[in-house]
Amino acid sequence: RGQNRYQVFCAPCHGTFGNGNGFIALRGLGYWQKLPASLHQPRLVKQTDGYLFGVLSNGKGAMYGYSARIPAAEDRWAVVA
Protein backbone atom coordinates (compact mmCIF):
# COMPACT_ATOMS: atom_id res chain seq x y z
CA ARG A 1 0.00 0.00 0.00
CA GLY A 2 2.83 2.40 0.81
CA GLN A 3 4.52 1.80 -2.51
CA ASN A 4 1.24 2.48 -4.30
CA ARG A 5 0.66 5.73 -2.37
CA TYR A 6 4.27 6.77 -3.06
CA GLN A 7 3.84 6.21 -6.80
CA VAL A 8 0.61 8.21 -6.86
CA PHE A 9 1.54 11.14 -4.61
CA CYS A 10 5.34 11.32 -4.30
CA ALA A 11 6.86 9.98 -7.52
CA PRO A 12 5.62 12.84 -9.71
CA CYS A 13 8.11 15.13 -7.93
CA HIS A 14 10.60 12.84 -6.17
CA GLY A 15 10.80 10.30 -9.02
CA THR A 16 9.98 6.62 -9.18
CA PHE A 17 13.17 5.72 -7.35
CA GLY A 18 13.28 8.74 -5.01
CA ASN A 19 16.09 10.51 -6.87
CA GLY A 20 14.31 13.88 -6.96
CA ASN A 21 13.81 13.83 -10.71
CA GLY A 22 10.09 13.22 -11.17
CA PHE A 23 8.34 14.39 -14.31
CA ILE A 24 6.62 17.36 -12.65
CA ALA A 25 9.87 18.62 -11.22
CA LEU A 26 11.73 18.20 -14.51
CA ARG A 27 9.01 19.86 -16.57
CA GLY A 28 8.90 22.81 -14.21
CA LEU A 29 12.66 23.19 -13.73
CA GLY A 30 12.55 26.70 -15.18
CA TYR A 31 9.89 27.58 -12.63
CA TRP A 32 11.30 25.71 -9.64
CA GLN A 33 14.62 26.97 -8.37
CA LYS A 34 15.83 23.48 -7.51
CA LEU A 35 14.78 19.86 -7.82
CA PRO A 36 12.95 18.10 -4.99
CA ALA A 37 15.18 16.34 -2.51
CA SER A 38 16.67 12.99 -3.39
CA LEU A 39 15.49 10.58 -0.74
CA HIS A 40 18.89 8.83 -1.00
CA GLN A 41 21.03 11.73 0.22
CA PRO A 42 22.78 11.02 3.55
CA ARG A 43 20.96 13.85 5.32
CA LEU A 44 17.60 12.17 4.70
CA VAL A 45 18.72 8.56 4.97
CA LYS A 46 19.77 9.13 8.58
CA GLN A 47 16.51 10.88 9.56
CA THR A 48 14.03 9.07 11.77
CA ASP A 49 10.79 7.69 10.42
CA GLY A 50 8.98 10.21 12.60
CA TYR A 51 10.77 13.10 10.90
CA LEU A 52 9.86 11.78 7.45
CA PHE A 53 6.25 11.24 8.57
CA GLY A 54 6.14 14.84 9.82
CA VAL A 55 7.45 16.23 6.54
CA LEU A 56 5.06 14.06 4.55
CA SER A 57 2.15 15.15 6.73
CA ASN A 58 2.95 18.85 7.18
CA GLY A 59 5.28 19.70 4.30
CA LYS A 60 8.60 21.52 4.32
CA GLY A 61 10.06 24.18 2.06
CA ALA A 62 8.23 24.18 -1.27
CA MET A 63 6.61 20.82 -0.54
CA TYR A 64 3.12 21.10 0.86
CA GLY A 65 1.73 18.68 3.41
CA TYR A 66 -0.08 15.55 2.30
CA SER A 67 -2.26 14.90 5.35
CA ALA A 68 -5.31 16.13 3.40
CA ARG A 69 -4.41 14.13 0.28
CA ILE A 70 -3.44 10.97 2.17
CA PRO A 71 -5.83 11.29 5.12
CA ALA A 72 -5.19 7.88 6.68
CA ALA A 73 -2.14 8.11 8.94
CA GLU A 74 -1.57 4.39 8.32
CA ASP A 75 -1.10 5.11 4.63
CA ARG A 76 1.40 7.90 5.34
CA TRP A 77 3.33 5.58 7.65
CA ALA A 78 3.27 2.97 4.88
CA VAL A 79 4.83 5.50 2.48
CA VAL A 80 7.60 6.17 5.01
CA ALA A 81 8.20 2.44 5.43
C-alpha atoms as a PDB file:
ATOM      1  CA  ARG A   1       0.000   0.000   0.000  1.00  0.00           C
ATOM      2  CA  GLY A   2       2.827   2.399   0.814  1.00  0.00           C
ATOM      3  CA  GLN A   3       4.519   1.803  -2.511  1.00  0.00           C
ATOM      4  CA  ASN A   4       1.243   2.485  -4.298  1.00  0.00           C
ATOM      5  CA  ARG A   5       0.662   5.727  -2.372  1.00  0.00           C
ATOM      6  CA  TYR A   6       4.271   6.768  -3.059  1.00  0.00           C
ATOM      7  CA  GLN A   7       3.837   6.209  -6.800  1.00  0.00           C
ATOM      8  CA  VAL A   8       0.612   8.212  -6.863  1.00  0.00           C
ATOM      9  CA  PHE A   9       1.538  11.141  -4.612  1.00  0.00           C
ATOM     10  CA  CYS A  10       5.341  11.323  -4.298  1.00  0.00           C
ATOM     11  CA  ALA A  11       6.859   9.978  -7.518  1.00  0.00           C
ATOM     12  CA  PRO A  12       5.619  12.845  -9.714  1.00  0.00           C
ATOM     13  CA  CYS A  13       8.107  15.129  -7.931  1.00  0.00           C
ATOM     14  CA  HIS A  14      10.604  12.841  -6.171  1.00  0.00           C
ATOM     15  CA  GLY A  15      10.800  10.301  -9.016  1.00  0.00           C
ATOM     16  CA  THR A  16       9.980   6.624  -9.184  1.00  0.00           C
ATOM     17  CA  PHE A  17      13.172   5.723  -7.349  1.00  0.00           C
ATOM     18  CA  GLY A  18      13.283   8.736  -5.012  1.00  0.00           C
ATOM     19  CA  ASN A  19      16.093  10.507  -6.872  1.00  0.00           C
ATOM     20  CA  GLY A  20      14.315  13.880  -6.957  1.00  0.00           C
ATOM     21  CA  ASN A  21      13.809  13.834 -10.708  1.00  0.00           C
ATOM     22  CA  GLY A  22      10.085  13.222 -11.175  1.00  0.00           C
ATOM     23  CA  PHE A  23       8.339  14.390 -14.310  1.00  0.00           C
ATOM     24  CA  ILE A  24       6.617  17.360 -12.655  1.00  0.00           C
ATOM     25  CA  ALA A  25       9.875  18.620 -11.223  1.00  0.00           C
ATOM     26  CA  LEU A  26      11.726  18.201 -14.514  1.00  0.00           C
ATOM     27  CA  ARG A  27       9.012  19.862 -16.574  1.00  0.00           C
ATOM     28  CA  GLY A  28       8.897  22.815 -14.213  1.00  0.00           C
ATOM     29  CA  LEU A  29      12.655  23.191 -13.729  1.00  0.00           C
ATOM     30  CA  GLY A  30      12.552  26.702 -15.180  1.00  0.00           C
ATOM     31  CA  TYR A  31       9.886  27.580 -12.628  1.00  0.00           C
ATOM     32  CA  TRP A  32      11.302  25.712  -9.643  1.00  0.00           C
ATOM     33  CA  GLN A  33      14.618  26.967  -8.368  1.00  0.00           C
ATOM     34  CA  LYS A  34      15.828  23.479  -7.510  1.00  0.00           C
ATOM     35  CA  LEU A  35      14.784  19.863  -7.818  1.00  0.00           C
ATOM     36  CA  PRO A  36      12.950  18.101  -4.991  1.00  0.00           C
ATOM     37  CA  ALA A  37      15.183  16.345  -2.509  1.00  0.00           C
ATOM     38  CA  SER A  38      16.666  12.993  -3.390  1.00  0.00           C
ATOM     39  CA  LEU A  39      15.493  10.583  -0.736  1.00  0.00           C
ATOM     40  CA  HIS A  40      18.887   8.832  -0.998  1.00  0.00           C
ATOM     41  CA  GLN A  41      21.034  11.730   0.218  1.00  0.00           C
ATOM     42  CA  PRO A  42      22.776  11.018   3.546  1.00  0.00           C
ATOM     43  CA  ARG A  43      20.962  13.847   5.316  1.00  0.00           C
ATOM     44  CA  LEU A  44      17.600  12.174   4.700  1.00  0.00           C
ATOM     45  CA  VAL A  45      18.715   8.558   4.973  1.00  0.00           C
ATOM     46  CA  LYS A  46      19.767   9.128   8.580  1.00  0.00           C
ATOM     47  CA  GLN A  47      16.514  10.881   9.561  1.00  0.00           C
ATOM     48  CA  THR A  48      14.029   9.072  11.767  1.00  0.00           C
ATOM     49  CA  ASP A  49      10.786   7.685  10.418  1.00  0.00           C
ATOM     50  CA  GLY A  50       8.980  10.208  12.602  1.00  0.00           C
ATOM     51  CA  TYR A  51      10.769  13.104  10.898  1.00  0.00           C
ATOM     52  CA  LEU A  52       9.857  11.780   7.455  1.00  0.00           C
ATOM     53  CA  PHE A  53       6.253  11.244   8.570  1.00  0.00           C
ATOM     54  CA  GLY A  54       6.142  14.838   9.816  1.00  0.00           C
ATOM     55  CA  VAL A  55       7.454  16.234   6.543  1.00  0.00           C
ATOM     56  CA  LEU A  56       5.056  14.058   4.553  1.00  0.00           C
ATOM     57  CA  SER A  57       2.150  15.150   6.729  1.00  0.00           C
ATOM     58  CA  ASN A  58       2.948  18.849   7.183  1.00  0.00           C
ATOM     59  CA  GLY A  59       5.281  19.697   4.302  1.00  0.00           C
ATOM     60  CA  LYS A  60       8.605  21.517   4.323  1.00  0.00           C
ATOM     61  CA  GLY A  61      10.057  24.185   2.063  1.00  0.00           C
ATOM     62  CA  ALA A  62       8.230  24.183  -1.271  1.00  0.00           C
ATOM     63  CA  MET A  63       6.611  20.817  -0.536  1.00  0.00           C
ATOM     64  CA  TYR A  64       3.122  21.098   0.859  1.00  0.00           C
ATOM     65  CA  GLY A  65       1.727  18.677   3.405  1.00  0.00           C
ATOM     66  CA  TYR A  66      -0.079  15.554   2.301  1.00  0.00           C
ATOM     67  CA  SER A  67      -2.260  14.897   5.347  1.00  0.00           C
ATOM     68  CA  ALA A  68      -5.307  16.126   3.404  1.00  0.00           C
ATOM     69  CA  ARG A  69      -4.415  14.134   0.281  1.00  0.00           C
ATOM     70  CA  ILE A  70      -3.442  10.975   2.167  1.00  0.00           C
ATOM     71  CA  PRO A  71      -5.835  11.295   5.119  1.00  0.00           C
ATOM     72  CA  ALA A  72      -5.195   7.884   6.684  1.00  0.00           C
ATOM     73  CA  ALA A  73      -2.136   8.108   8.943  1.00  0.00           C
ATOM     74  CA  GLU A  74      -1.571   4.390   8.323  1.00  0.00           C
ATOM     75  CA  ASP A  75      -1.101   5.106   4.627  1.00  0.00           C
ATOM     76  CA  ARG A  76       1.405   7.904   5.342  1.00  0.00           C
ATOM     77  CA  TRP A  77       3.333   5.585   7.655  1.00  0.00           C
ATOM     78  CA  ALA A  78       3.267   2.973   4.881  1.00  0.00           C
ATOM     79  CA  VAL A  79       4.834   5.499   2.482  1.00  0.00           C
ATOM     80  CA  VAL A  80       7.601   6.173   5.009  1.00  0.00           C
ATOM     81  CA  ALA A  81       8.200   2.439   5.426  1.00  0.00           C
END
